[in-house]
N, C-alpha and C. Protein backbone atom coordinates (compact mmCIF):
# COMPACT_ATOMS: atom_id res chain seq x y z
N MET A 1 0.76 -1.42 -0.01
CA MET A 1 -0.08 -0.06 0.00
C MET A 1 0.78 0.76 0.14
N LYS A 2 2.05 1.41 0.46
CA LYS A 2 2.65 2.58 0.62
C LYS A 2 3.38 3.04 -0.90
N GLN A 3 4.30 1.93 -1.21
CA GLN A 3 4.64 1.89 -2.58
C GLN A 3 3.29 2.44 -3.70
N LEU A 4 2.20 1.70 -3.57
CA LEU A 4 0.91 2.39 -4.27
C LEU A 4 0.86 4.21 -4.04
N ILE A 5 1.27 4.30 -2.90
CA ILE A 5 0.78 5.48 -2.22
C ILE A 5 2.20 6.39 -3.02
N ASN A 6 3.28 5.65 -2.63
CA ASN A 6 4.61 6.35 -3.46
C ASN A 6 4.67 6.52 -4.83
N ASN A 7 3.55 5.84 -4.97
CA ASN A 7 3.86 5.96 -6.92
C ASN A 7 2.95 7.15 -7.69
N TYR A 8 1.66 6.97 -6.45
CA TYR A 8 0.47 7.96 -7.15
C TYR A 8 0.86 9.48 -6.77
N LYS A 9 2.41 9.61 -5.49
CA LYS A 9 2.59 10.97 -5.52
C LYS A 9 4.00 11.29 -6.51
N LYS A 10 4.31 10.52 -7.70
CA LYS A 10 5.11 10.44 -8.63
C LYS A 10 4.28 11.04 -10.04
N GLN A 11 3.19 10.84 -9.92
CA GLN A 11 2.15 10.91 -11.08
C GLN A 11 2.28 12.23 -11.54
N SER A 12 1.74 12.82 -12.46
CA SER A 12 1.76 14.01 -13.11
C SER A 12 1.00 14.83 -12.56
N THR A 13 0.86 16.11 -12.75
CA THR A 13 -0.09 16.78 -11.64
C THR A 13 -1.63 16.34 -12.38
N LEU A 14 -1.24 16.21 -13.70
CA LEU A 14 -2.67 16.24 -14.31
C LEU A 14 -3.61 14.46 -14.08
N LEU A 15 -2.46 14.37 -13.69
CA LEU A 15 -3.19 12.32 -13.73
C LEU A 15 -3.44 12.61 -12.09
N LYS A 16 -3.13 13.25 -11.06
CA LYS A 16 -3.35 13.32 -9.73
C LYS A 16 -4.58 13.99 -9.63
N ILE A 17 -4.98 15.46 -10.59
CA ILE A 17 -6.47 15.85 -10.40
C ILE A 17 -6.99 15.43 -11.11
N THR A 18 -7.07 14.43 -12.43
CA THR A 18 -7.96 13.36 -12.94
C THR A 18 -8.65 12.46 -11.63
N ILE A 19 -7.35 12.25 -11.33
CA ILE A 19 -8.10 10.61 -10.30
C ILE A 19 -8.91 11.12 -9.36
N GLY A 20 -8.37 12.64 -8.98
CA GLY A 20 -9.20 12.97 -7.52
C GLY A 20 -10.59 13.65 -7.58
N ILE A 21 -10.80 14.07 -8.97
CA ILE A 21 -12.15 14.15 -9.59
C ILE A 21 -13.15 13.08 -10.07
N SER A 22 -12.74 12.50 -10.57
CA SER A 22 -12.95 11.58 -10.72
C SER A 22 -13.53 10.10 -9.76
N LEU A 23 -12.63 10.42 -8.40
CA LEU A 23 -13.42 9.45 -7.49
C LEU A 23 -14.18 10.41 -6.70
N LEU A 24 -14.11 11.79 -6.94
CA LEU A 24 -14.62 12.39 -5.94
C LEU A 24 -16.42 12.46 -6.52
N LEU A 25 -16.17 12.45 -8.23
CA LEU A 25 -17.50 12.74 -8.50
C LEU A 25 -18.34 10.91 -7.95
N LEU A 26 -17.75 10.44 -7.93
CA LEU A 26 -18.19 8.57 -7.72
C LEU A 26 -18.39 8.55 -6.87
N ILE A 27 -17.89 9.35 -5.24
CA ILE A 27 -18.06 8.84 -3.97
C ILE A 27 -19.53 9.61 -3.98
N ILE A 28 -19.73 11.00 -4.50
CA ILE A 28 -20.67 11.64 -4.86
C ILE A 28 -22.35 11.59 -5.04
N SER A 29 -21.51 10.43 -6.24
CA SER A 29 -22.76 9.77 -6.75
C SER A 29 -23.19 8.70 -6.17
N LEU A 30 -22.98 8.09 -5.06
CA LEU A 30 -23.20 6.92 -4.15
C LEU A 30 -24.49 7.31 -3.37
N THR A 31 -24.61 9.06 -2.90
CA THR A 31 -25.75 9.20 -2.29
C THR A 31 -26.93 10.05 -3.35
N GLN A 32 -26.70 9.40 -4.62
CA GLN A 32 -27.72 9.83 -5.37
C GLN A 32 -28.39 8.56 -5.86
N PRO A 33 -30.02 9.13 -6.41
CA PRO A 33 -30.54 8.15 -7.33
C PRO A 33 -29.93 7.86 -8.55
N ALA A 34 -30.21 6.56 -8.20
CA ALA A 34 -29.22 6.25 -9.64
C ALA A 34 -30.13 6.02 -11.25
N PHE A 35 -31.48 5.80 -11.12
CA PHE A 35 -32.42 5.80 -12.06
C PHE A 35 -33.77 5.54 -11.53
N TYR A 36 -34.48 6.37 -12.29
CA TYR A 36 -35.86 5.96 -11.75
C TYR A 36 -36.81 5.11 -12.69
N ILE A 37 -37.63 4.31 -12.22
CA ILE A 37 -38.32 2.87 -12.91
C ILE A 37 -39.60 3.57 -13.07
N ASP A 38 -40.57 2.73 -13.97
CA ASP A 38 -41.73 3.04 -13.66
C ASP A 38 -42.35 1.89 -13.33
N ARG A 39 -43.43 2.29 -12.03
CA ARG A 39 -44.28 1.41 -10.85
C ARG A 39 -45.44 1.98 -10.78
N LYS A 40 -46.43 1.04 -10.89
CA LYS A 40 -47.64 1.89 -10.39
C LYS A 40 -47.99 2.03 -9.13
N GLU A 41 -46.95 1.37 -8.34
CA GLU A 41 -47.47 1.63 -6.87
C GLU A 41 -46.61 2.54 -6.18
N ASP A 42 -45.28 2.91 -6.89
CA ASP A 42 -44.91 4.08 -6.05
C ASP A 42 -44.02 4.72 -7.69
N PRO A 43 -44.83 5.83 -8.07
CA PRO A 43 -44.53 6.48 -9.10
C PRO A 43 -42.71 6.75 -9.43
N ASN A 44 -42.63 7.33 -8.02
CA ASN A 44 -41.34 7.79 -7.58
C ASN A 44 -40.29 6.73 -7.41
N ALA A 45 -40.28 5.61 -8.24
CA ALA A 45 -39.39 4.61 -7.32
C ALA A 45 -38.02 5.13 -8.66
N TYR A 46 -37.50 4.87 -7.34
CA TYR A 46 -35.72 4.71 -8.20
C TYR A 46 -34.94 3.28 -7.43
N SER A 47 -33.91 3.52 -8.10
CA SER A 47 -32.95 2.54 -8.13
C SER A 47 -31.90 3.18 -7.11
N ASP A 48 -31.31 2.94 -5.80
CA ASP A 48 -30.14 3.88 -4.56
C ASP A 48 -29.04 3.25 -5.49
N SER A 49 -28.13 4.33 -6.15
CA SER A 49 -26.82 4.05 -5.99
C SER A 49 -26.32 3.25 -5.24
N LEU A 50 -25.78 3.39 -4.40
CA LEU A 50 -24.76 2.76 -3.35
C LEU A 50 -25.31 1.59 -3.46
N THR A 51 -26.79 0.71 -3.27
CA THR A 51 -26.78 -0.38 -3.32
C THR A 51 -26.37 -1.54 -4.33
N LEU A 52 -26.64 -0.60 -5.76
CA LEU A 52 -25.97 -0.94 -7.00
C LEU A 52 -25.34 -1.58 -6.82
N PHE A 53 -24.02 -0.19 -6.42
CA PHE A 53 -22.71 0.11 -6.78
C PHE A 53 -22.01 -1.49 -5.83
N PHE A 54 -22.83 -1.51 -4.68
CA PHE A 54 -22.11 -2.92 -3.81
C PHE A 54 -22.70 -3.92 -3.53
N LEU A 55 -24.04 -4.06 -4.45
CA LEU A 55 -24.77 -5.64 -4.67
C LEU A 55 -25.19 -5.93 -6.27
N GLY A 56 -24.68 -4.63 -7.10
CA GLY A 56 -25.32 -5.10 -8.68
C GLY A 56 -24.88 -6.34 -9.23
N TRP A 57 -23.66 -6.88 -8.56
CA TRP A 57 -22.83 -7.85 -9.31
C TRP A 57 -23.88 -8.97 -8.87
N MET A 58 -24.91 -8.99 -7.68
CA MET A 58 -25.78 -10.32 -7.81
C MET A 58 -27.03 -10.65 -8.33
N SER A 59 -27.10 -9.29 -9.27
CA SER A 59 -27.73 -9.52 -11.16
C SER A 59 -27.68 -10.90 -11.06
N PHE A 60 -26.37 -11.04 -11.58
CA PHE A 60 -26.37 -12.37 -11.92
C PHE A 60 -26.64 -13.79 -11.23
N LEU A 61 -26.87 -13.54 -10.04
CA LEU A 61 -27.78 -14.49 -9.25
C LEU A 61 -29.45 -15.08 -9.68
N GLY A 62 -29.71 -13.75 -9.89
CA GLY A 62 -31.16 -13.51 -10.66
C GLY A 62 -31.32 -13.91 -12.05
N GLY A 63 -30.68 -14.19 -12.40
CA GLY A 63 -30.40 -14.37 -13.57
C GLY A 63 -30.24 -13.13 -14.57
N ALA A 64 -29.92 -12.26 -14.55
CA ALA A 64 -29.57 -11.10 -15.08
C ALA A 64 -27.99 -10.91 -15.60
N PHE A 65 -27.95 -11.33 -16.79
CA PHE A 65 -26.61 -11.54 -17.50
C PHE A 65 -26.18 -10.45 -17.82
N ILE A 66 -26.97 -9.35 -17.99
CA ILE A 66 -26.56 -8.68 -19.26
C ILE A 66 -26.02 -7.14 -18.29
N PRO A 67 -26.92 -7.08 -17.35
CA PRO A 67 -26.49 -5.86 -16.23
C PRO A 67 -25.62 -6.61 -15.32
N PHE A 68 -25.28 -7.92 -15.28
CA PHE A 68 -24.28 -7.93 -14.11
C PHE A 68 -22.62 -7.62 -15.29
N ILE A 69 -22.55 -7.98 -16.75
CA ILE A 69 -21.64 -7.67 -17.61
C ILE A 69 -21.26 -5.85 -17.39
N LEU A 70 -22.85 -5.13 -17.43
CA LEU A 70 -22.55 -3.90 -17.20
C LEU A 70 -22.11 -3.32 -15.83
N TRP A 71 -22.25 -3.90 -14.95
CA TRP A 71 -22.00 -3.58 -13.86
C TRP A 71 -20.25 -3.83 -13.41
N LEU A 72 -20.08 -5.18 -14.14
CA LEU A 72 -18.56 -4.58 -13.97
C LEU A 72 -17.68 -4.04 -14.13
N ALA A 73 -18.19 -2.52 -15.26
CA ALA A 73 -17.43 -1.26 -15.45
C ALA A 73 -16.70 -0.60 -13.64
N ASN A 74 -17.58 -1.04 -12.85
CA ASN A 74 -17.70 -0.81 -11.29
C ASN A 74 -16.01 -1.04 -10.93
N PRO A 75 -16.09 -2.42 -11.11
CA PRO A 75 -14.10 -2.93 -10.87
C PRO A 75 -13.26 -2.84 -11.87
N LEU A 76 -13.68 -2.56 -12.83
CA LEU A 76 -13.28 -2.02 -13.97
C LEU A 76 -11.93 -0.61 -14.00
N TYR A 77 -13.18 0.12 -13.53
CA TYR A 77 -12.65 2.02 -13.38
C TYR A 77 -11.62 1.41 -11.92
N PHE A 78 -11.64 1.05 -10.71
CA PHE A 78 -10.73 0.72 -10.29
C PHE A 78 -9.49 -0.08 -10.22
N ILE A 79 -9.78 -0.65 -11.55
CA ILE A 79 -8.68 -1.66 -11.87
C ILE A 79 -7.69 -0.38 -12.66
N SER A 80 -8.62 -0.06 -13.18
CA SER A 80 -7.78 1.02 -14.32
C SER A 80 -6.57 2.30 -13.84
N ILE A 81 -7.41 2.57 -12.47
CA ILE A 81 -6.45 3.51 -11.73
C ILE A 81 -5.91 3.12 -11.29
N PHE A 82 -5.73 1.96 -10.66
CA PHE A 82 -4.68 1.33 -9.57
C PHE A 82 -3.14 0.62 -11.21
N LEU A 83 -3.55 0.41 -12.24
CA LEU A 83 -2.82 -0.25 -13.37
C LEU A 83 -2.24 1.37 -13.43
N THR A 84 -2.95 2.85 -13.46
CA THR A 84 -2.24 3.92 -13.83
C THR A 84 -1.47 3.99 -12.81
N ILE A 85 -1.64 4.13 -11.94
CA ILE A 85 -0.84 4.19 -10.37
C ILE A 85 0.30 3.82 -10.36
N LYS A 86 0.05 2.12 -11.24
CA LYS A 86 1.36 1.44 -11.46
C LYS A 86 2.18 1.43 -12.68
N ASN A 87 1.75 2.74 -13.17
CA ASN A 87 2.21 3.15 -14.57
C ASN A 87 2.28 1.76 -15.78
N LYS A 88 1.30 1.28 -15.40
CA LYS A 88 0.59 0.19 -16.58
C LYS A 88 0.54 0.80 -17.45
N PRO A 89 0.68 0.90 -18.76
CA PRO A 89 -0.50 1.77 -20.14
C PRO A 89 -1.57 0.83 -20.06
N SER A 90 -1.85 -0.53 -19.64
CA SER A 90 -2.88 -0.54 -19.95
C SER A 90 -4.28 -0.34 -19.27
N GLY A 91 -4.09 0.67 -18.15
CA GLY A 91 -4.97 0.89 -17.77
C GLY A 91 -5.78 2.30 -18.42
N LEU A 92 -5.26 2.89 -19.30
CA LEU A 92 -5.98 3.44 -20.52
C LEU A 92 -6.96 2.42 -20.94
N PHE A 93 -6.84 1.40 -21.28
CA PHE A 93 -7.04 0.36 -22.33
C PHE A 93 -8.61 -0.54 -21.49
N VAL A 94 -8.18 -0.16 -20.22
CA VAL A 94 -9.59 -0.91 -18.71
C VAL A 94 -10.23 0.21 -18.57
N SER A 95 -9.52 1.62 -18.60
CA SER A 95 -10.48 2.65 -18.47
C SER A 95 -11.53 2.91 -19.22
N ILE A 96 -11.07 2.72 -20.91
CA ILE A 96 -11.95 2.63 -22.08
C ILE A 96 -13.21 2.19 -22.01
N ALA A 97 -12.34 0.71 -21.89
CA ALA A 97 -13.28 -0.41 -21.40
C ALA A 97 -14.60 -0.02 -20.69
N ALA A 98 -14.56 0.14 -19.36
CA ALA A 98 -15.80 0.73 -17.97
C ALA A 98 -16.17 1.96 -18.71
N SER A 99 -15.97 2.76 -19.11
CA SER A 99 -16.48 3.70 -20.32
C SER A 99 -17.61 3.37 -21.29
N THR A 100 -17.23 2.79 -21.91
CA THR A 100 -18.04 1.90 -22.90
C THR A 100 -18.78 0.72 -22.23
N LEU A 101 -18.64 -0.03 -20.97
CA LEU A 101 -19.42 -0.57 -20.52
C LEU A 101 -20.40 0.05 -19.77
N ALA A 102 -20.54 1.46 -18.94
CA ALA A 102 -21.21 2.65 -19.05
C ALA A 102 -22.16 3.34 -19.58
N PHE A 103 -22.03 3.11 -21.00
CA PHE A 103 -22.53 4.08 -22.17
C PHE A 103 -23.61 3.15 -22.96
N ILE A 104 -23.13 1.61 -22.79
CA ILE A 104 -24.21 0.75 -22.62
C ILE A 104 -25.12 0.93 -22.00
N PHE A 105 -24.90 0.58 -20.78
CA PHE A 105 -26.12 0.64 -20.03
C PHE A 105 -27.23 2.07 -20.02
N SER A 106 -25.98 3.12 -20.18
CA SER A 106 -27.36 4.25 -20.86
C SER A 106 -28.40 3.78 -21.32
N GLN A 107 -27.98 3.31 -22.76
CA GLN A 107 -28.98 3.34 -23.72
C GLN A 107 -29.73 1.73 -23.14
N LEU A 108 -30.03 1.37 -22.12
CA LEU A 108 -30.87 0.10 -21.33
C LEU A 108 -32.11 1.12 -21.54
N ASP A 109 -33.30 0.42 -21.39
CA ASP A 109 -34.77 0.76 -21.68
C ASP A 109 -35.41 0.15 -20.54
N THR A 110 -35.42 -1.18 -20.10
CA THR A 110 -35.40 -1.71 -18.95
C THR A 110 -34.16 -1.96 -18.18
N ILE A 111 -34.77 -2.67 -17.04
CA ILE A 111 -33.49 -3.08 -15.84
C ILE A 111 -34.94 -3.98 -15.36
N MET A 112 -34.07 -5.25 -14.97
CA MET A 112 -34.63 -6.50 -13.83
C MET A 112 -34.58 -5.84 -12.25
N THR A 113 -35.79 -5.86 -11.88
CA THR A 113 -35.76 -4.77 -10.20
C THR A 113 -36.57 -6.48 -9.82
N SER A 114 -36.17 -7.19 -9.83
CA SER A 114 -36.55 -8.23 -8.83
C SER A 114 -36.49 -9.34 -8.74
N GLU A 115 -36.05 -10.25 -7.62
CA GLU A 115 -35.66 -11.61 -8.06
C GLU A 115 -36.33 -12.35 -8.83
N SER A 116 -37.22 -12.10 -8.88
CA SER A 116 -38.84 -13.17 -9.90
C SER A 116 -38.43 -12.35 -11.66
N GLY A 117 -37.56 -12.12 -11.74
CA GLY A 117 -37.41 -11.93 -13.23
C GLY A 117 -37.84 -10.50 -13.75
N SER A 118 -38.94 -9.93 -13.00
CA SER A 118 -39.53 -9.03 -13.76
C SER A 118 -39.09 -7.59 -14.01
N CYS A 119 -39.33 -6.92 -14.96
CA CYS A 119 -38.59 -5.58 -15.97
C CYS A 119 -39.08 -4.70 -15.51
N SER A 120 -38.31 -3.57 -15.31
CA SER A 120 -39.00 -2.72 -14.59
C SER A 120 -38.95 -1.28 -16.88
N ILE A 121 -39.38 -0.23 -16.64
CA ILE A 121 -38.88 0.31 -17.76
C ILE A 121 -38.26 1.82 -16.57
N ILE A 122 -36.90 2.00 -17.25
CA ILE A 122 -36.21 3.35 -16.63
C ILE A 122 -36.57 4.40 -17.37
N THR A 123 -37.20 5.09 -16.35
CA THR A 123 -38.17 6.40 -16.95
C THR A 123 -37.11 7.87 -17.07
N SER A 124 -36.23 7.68 -16.52
CA SER A 124 -34.79 8.51 -16.63
C SER A 124 -33.91 8.52 -15.59
N ARG A 125 -32.87 8.93 -15.85
CA ARG A 125 -31.32 8.38 -15.53
C ARG A 125 -31.12 9.41 -14.28
N GLY A 126 -31.01 9.47 -12.82
CA GLY A 126 -30.92 10.17 -12.11
C GLY A 126 -29.58 10.82 -11.62
N LEU A 127 -29.21 11.81 -10.82
CA LEU A 127 -28.27 12.46 -10.88
C LEU A 127 -26.44 11.18 -10.31
N GLY A 128 -27.26 10.69 -9.79
CA GLY A 128 -26.20 9.52 -9.20
C GLY A 128 -25.75 8.68 -10.05
N PHE A 129 -26.52 8.24 -11.23
CA PHE A 129 -25.98 7.80 -12.57
C PHE A 129 -25.02 9.12 -13.17
N LYS A 130 -25.78 10.18 -13.87
CA LYS A 130 -25.07 11.10 -14.55
C LYS A 130 -23.36 11.22 -13.57
N LEU A 131 -23.63 11.16 -12.26
CA LEU A 131 -22.44 11.58 -12.12
C LEU A 131 -21.09 10.39 -12.59
N TRP A 132 -21.87 9.80 -11.97
CA TRP A 132 -21.03 7.74 -11.92
C TRP A 132 -20.47 8.13 -13.45
N PHE A 133 -21.41 8.04 -14.59
CA PHE A 133 -20.84 8.34 -16.14
C PHE A 133 -19.96 9.11 -15.91
N ALA A 134 -19.84 10.04 -15.37
CA ALA A 134 -18.71 11.34 -15.88
C ALA A 134 -17.49 11.19 -15.06
N SER A 135 -17.70 10.55 -14.24
CA SER A 135 -16.51 10.07 -13.20
C SER A 135 -15.71 8.92 -13.77
N LEU A 136 -16.41 8.26 -14.87
CA LEU A 136 -15.80 7.61 -15.47
C LEU A 136 -14.95 8.46 -16.93
N ILE A 137 -15.42 8.96 -17.63
CA ILE A 137 -15.38 9.77 -18.81
C ILE A 137 -14.27 10.29 -18.37
N ILE A 138 -14.49 11.14 -17.45
CA ILE A 138 -13.40 12.28 -16.87
C ILE A 138 -12.37 11.32 -16.75
N LEU A 139 -11.97 10.27 -15.61
CA LEU A 139 -10.91 9.36 -15.70
C LEU A 139 -10.64 8.79 -17.24
N THR A 140 -11.15 8.19 -18.04
CA THR A 140 -10.88 8.17 -19.58
C THR A 140 -9.97 8.92 -20.08
N VAL A 141 -10.63 10.15 -20.72
CA VAL A 141 -10.41 11.60 -21.13
C VAL A 141 -9.25 12.16 -19.84
N GLY A 142 -8.93 12.03 -19.14
CA GLY A 142 -7.42 12.51 -18.44
C GLY A 142 -7.18 11.70 -18.42
N LEU A 143 -6.72 10.23 -18.90
CA LEU A 143 -5.83 9.40 -18.68
C LEU A 143 -5.52 9.06 -20.37
N VAL A 144 -6.40 10.11 -21.55
CA VAL A 144 -5.68 9.97 -23.02
C VAL A 144 -5.05 11.07 -22.94
N LEU A 145 -5.16 12.28 -22.38
CA LEU A 145 -4.55 13.55 -22.10
C LEU A 145 -3.32 13.36 -21.80
N SER A 146 -3.36 12.51 -21.00
CA SER A 146 -1.96 12.21 -19.67
C SER A 146 -1.05 11.43 -20.91
N ARG A 147 -1.53 10.78 -22.09
CA ARG A 147 -0.96 9.62 -22.28
C ARG A 147 -0.48 10.15 -23.75
N ILE A 148 -1.22 11.34 -24.78
CA ILE A 148 -1.02 12.06 -25.44
C ILE A 148 0.25 13.58 -24.98
N MET A 149 0.39 13.88 -24.45
CA MET A 149 1.35 14.59 -22.90
C MET A 149 2.42 14.05 -22.82
N MET A 150 2.76 12.76 -22.34
CA MET A 150 4.03 11.85 -22.30
C MET A 150 4.22 11.69 -23.69
N ASN A 151 3.95 10.97 -25.13
CA ASN A 151 3.79 10.91 -26.31
C ASN A 151 4.63 12.52 -26.90
N LYS A 152 4.22 13.81 -26.85
CA LYS A 152 5.04 14.87 -27.09
C LYS A 152 6.14 14.98 -26.41
N LYS A 153 6.03 14.56 -25.11
CA LYS A 153 7.27 15.06 -24.77
C LYS A 153 8.48 13.84 -24.92
N SER A 154 8.32 12.94 -25.30
CA SER A 154 8.89 11.65 -25.25
C SER A 154 9.34 11.80 -27.05
N VAL A 155 8.79 12.67 -27.95
CA VAL A 155 9.15 13.07 -29.31
C VAL A 155 10.24 14.29 -29.71
N THR A 156 9.99 15.45 -28.02
CA THR A 156 10.98 16.45 -28.63
C THR A 156 11.91 16.30 -27.66
N ILE A 157 12.14 14.90 -26.57
CA ILE A 157 13.36 14.79 -25.96
C ILE A 157 14.45 14.32 -26.79
């Protein structure tokens, strides 16, 4: 852990700011509704971001394979940060994969909302989803910009 912190301290200011802003947005997103669903008995029904973040992997157990695959954007996000701090170029590609999964999720119209396999229509995306998605995009864009700046430095040297 100490080595990881030391590696983080050695990163460029751009990467530190990118990772910091991205993590801050992710943390804030967990306090907000992720998306709203169409329920006759509760017109204001929503899915809690914090619950989805920590328990979304369980959708696989209920037969929702696609939402499980899309949920994998969360661990991929943290893996990309870890790889970036360890100066591994693959961090960028993992971040792109996480952002792609998040984008695919943004295109879903329905989502499984119970253990019985019933689905609900997603009526709108909440602030939690928007901040979560922004945190992944900011990380990806920051990593791309950092890579471009590193390549320009190595060309001029």
